[in-house]
Amino acid sequence: MNEDATYICDSCGEEIVVPVDLSQGSRQEYVEDCPVCCCANVIQVEIDSDGYAMISSHLE
């Protein structure tokens, strides 16, 4: 099951929507380039016991 989550790019300030794969565990971390400014962001995802994804990011 996938759901969408959003983060704010630290470089350009745009809100970015990303899919979250709930089957990949309750804590995830990966690097993704911002689709607006192309800066690399480290994305951290934590999924609570109800399946709700909380996402944060910082520049790589």
N, C-alpha and C. Protein backbone atom coordinates (compact mmCIF):
# COMPACT_ATOMS: atom_id res chain seq x y z
N MET A 1 0.85 -1.18 0.00
CA MET A 1 0.00 0.00 0.00
C MET A 1 0.89 1.25 0.00
N ASN A 2 0.59 2.18 -0.83
CA ASN A 2 1.33 3.43 -0.89
C ASN A 2 0.43 4.58 -0.46
N GLU A 3 1.05 5.61 0.07
CA GLU A 3 0.34 6.84 0.34
C GLU A 3 1.29 7.98 -0.01
N ASP A 4 0.75 9.16 -0.16
CA ASP A 4 1.57 10.32 -0.47
C ASP A 4 1.87 11.11 0.80
N ALA A 5 3.04 11.73 0.83
CA ALA A 5 3.43 12.62 1.91
C ALA A 5 4.13 13.82 1.28
N THR A 6 4.29 14.88 2.05
CA THR A 6 4.94 16.07 1.52
C THR A 6 6.07 16.52 2.42
N TYR A 7 7.06 17.18 1.81
CA TYR A 7 8.13 17.83 2.55
C TYR A 7 8.42 19.16 1.88
N ILE A 8 9.09 20.04 2.60
CA ILE A 8 9.50 21.33 2.06
C ILE A 8 10.98 21.27 1.73
N CYS A 9 11.34 21.55 0.48
CA CYS A 9 12.73 21.55 0.08
C CYS A 9 13.47 22.68 0.82
N ASP A 10 14.56 22.34 1.50
CA ASP A 10 15.33 23.34 2.23
C ASP A 10 16.04 24.33 1.31
N SER A 11 16.21 23.97 0.05
CA SER A 11 16.91 24.85 -0.88
C SER A 11 15.98 25.89 -1.51
N CYS A 12 14.84 25.43 -2.06
CA CYS A 12 13.98 26.36 -2.79
C CYS A 12 12.67 26.69 -2.07
N GLY A 13 12.34 25.94 -1.01
CA GLY A 13 11.14 26.23 -0.24
C GLY A 13 9.85 25.68 -0.81
N GLU A 14 9.94 24.92 -1.90
CA GLU A 14 8.74 24.35 -2.51
C GLU A 14 8.25 23.13 -1.74
N GLU A 15 6.94 22.95 -1.70
CA GLU A 15 6.36 21.75 -1.11
C GLU A 15 6.39 20.64 -2.15
N ILE A 16 6.98 19.51 -1.79
CA ILE A 16 7.16 18.39 -2.71
C ILE A 16 6.34 17.21 -2.22
N VAL A 17 5.58 16.60 -3.11
CA VAL A 17 4.79 15.41 -2.80
C VAL A 17 5.56 14.18 -3.26
N VAL A 18 5.72 13.21 -2.35
CA VAL A 18 6.42 11.97 -2.68
C VAL A 18 5.56 10.79 -2.23
N PRO A 19 5.65 9.67 -2.97
CA PRO A 19 4.94 8.47 -2.53
C PRO A 19 5.72 7.81 -1.39
N VAL A 20 5.01 7.21 -0.45
CA VAL A 20 5.62 6.48 0.65
C VAL A 20 5.19 5.03 0.54
N ASP A 21 6.17 4.14 0.49
CA ASP A 21 5.89 2.70 0.42
C ASP A 21 5.84 2.16 1.84
N LEU A 22 4.66 1.91 2.34
CA LEU A 22 4.48 1.47 3.72
C LEU A 22 5.07 0.08 3.98
N SER A 23 5.30 -0.70 2.92
CA SER A 23 5.85 -2.05 3.08
C SER A 23 7.35 -2.06 3.33
N GLN A 24 8.01 -0.90 3.25
CA GLN A 24 9.47 -0.84 3.42
C GLN A 24 9.92 -0.60 4.86
N GLY A 25 9.02 -0.72 5.80
CA GLY A 25 9.39 -0.60 7.20
C GLY A 25 8.92 0.71 7.80
N SER A 26 8.99 0.76 9.14
CA SER A 26 8.47 1.94 9.84
C SER A 26 9.45 3.10 9.86
N ARG A 27 10.72 2.87 9.54
CA ARG A 27 11.72 3.94 9.44
C ARG A 27 12.46 3.79 8.12
N GLN A 28 12.42 4.84 7.35
CA GLN A 28 13.07 4.83 6.03
C GLN A 28 13.89 6.09 5.86
N GLU A 29 14.97 5.98 5.09
CA GLU A 29 15.78 7.15 4.76
C GLU A 29 16.35 6.94 3.36
N TYR A 30 16.24 7.97 2.54
CA TYR A 30 16.77 7.90 1.18
C TYR A 30 17.06 9.31 0.69
N VAL A 31 17.81 9.41 -0.40
CA VAL A 31 18.16 10.69 -1.01
C VAL A 31 17.36 10.84 -2.29
N GLU A 32 16.77 12.03 -2.45
CA GLU A 32 15.98 12.31 -3.66
C GLU A 32 16.24 13.75 -4.09
N ASP A 33 16.44 13.95 -5.39
CA ASP A 33 16.62 15.30 -5.91
C ASP A 33 15.28 16.02 -5.95
N CYS A 34 15.29 17.28 -5.56
CA CYS A 34 14.08 18.11 -5.65
C CYS A 34 13.70 18.25 -7.12
N PRO A 35 12.45 17.99 -7.48
CA PRO A 35 12.04 18.13 -8.88
C PRO A 35 11.98 19.58 -9.35
N VAL A 36 12.06 20.54 -8.43
CA VAL A 36 12.00 21.95 -8.81
C VAL A 36 13.40 22.53 -9.00
N CYS A 37 14.28 22.36 -7.99
CA CYS A 37 15.60 23.00 -8.05
C CYS A 37 16.76 22.01 -8.22
N CYS A 38 16.48 20.72 -8.20
CA CYS A 38 17.45 19.64 -8.42
C CYS A 38 18.45 19.45 -7.28
N CYS A 39 18.28 20.11 -6.14
CA CYS A 39 19.17 19.89 -4.99
C CYS A 39 18.80 18.56 -4.33
N ALA A 40 19.83 17.86 -3.86
CA ALA A 40 19.61 16.57 -3.20
C ALA A 40 19.11 16.78 -1.78
N ASN A 41 18.03 16.09 -1.43
CA ASN A 41 17.45 16.12 -0.10
C ASN A 41 17.50 14.73 0.51
N VAL A 42 17.86 14.64 1.78
CA VAL A 42 17.78 13.39 2.52
C VAL A 42 16.37 13.33 3.10
N ILE A 43 15.62 12.34 2.71
CA ILE A 43 14.24 12.18 3.12
C ILE A 43 14.19 11.13 4.24
N GLN A 44 13.57 11.49 5.34
CA GLN A 44 13.40 10.56 6.46
C GLN A 44 11.91 10.35 6.68
N VAL A 45 11.50 9.10 6.73
CA VAL A 45 10.10 8.74 6.88
C VAL A 45 9.94 7.89 8.13
N GLU A 46 8.99 8.23 8.96
CA GLU A 46 8.62 7.41 10.10
C GLU A 46 7.13 7.12 9.99
N ILE A 47 6.78 5.85 10.13
CA ILE A 47 5.39 5.42 10.01
C ILE A 47 4.93 4.94 11.37
N ASP A 48 3.84 5.53 11.88
CA ASP A 48 3.35 5.16 13.21
C ASP A 48 2.52 3.88 13.13
N SER A 49 2.06 3.41 14.28
CA SER A 49 1.33 2.14 14.36
C SER A 49 -0.01 2.16 13.62
N ASP A 50 -0.53 3.36 13.34
CA ASP A 50 -1.77 3.48 12.57
C ASP A 50 -1.53 3.56 11.07
N GLY A 51 -0.25 3.52 10.64
CA GLY A 51 0.09 3.59 9.23
C GLY A 51 0.24 5.00 8.70
N TYR A 52 0.24 6.00 9.59
CA TYR A 52 0.38 7.39 9.16
C TYR A 52 1.87 7.71 8.99
N ALA A 53 2.25 8.25 7.85
CA ALA A 53 3.64 8.57 7.55
C ALA A 53 3.96 10.04 7.90
N MET A 54 5.01 10.23 8.66
CA MET A 54 5.53 11.56 8.95
C MET A 54 6.87 11.67 8.22
N ILE A 55 7.05 12.75 7.47
CA ILE A 55 8.23 12.88 6.63
C ILE A 55 8.97 14.16 6.95
N SER A 56 10.29 14.11 6.92
CA SER A 56 11.11 15.31 7.10
C SER A 56 12.28 15.22 6.11
N SER A 57 12.93 16.35 5.92
CA SER A 57 14.04 16.36 4.98
C SER A 57 15.08 17.40 5.38
N HIS A 58 16.27 17.21 4.88
CA HIS A 58 17.33 18.20 4.98
C HIS A 58 18.24 18.04 3.77
N LEU A 59 18.97 19.10 3.44
CA LEU A 59 19.86 19.03 2.28
C LEU A 59 20.98 18.04 2.54
N GLU A 60 21.36 17.35 1.48
CA GLU A 60 22.45 16.37 1.59
C GLU A 60 23.77 17.08 1.76
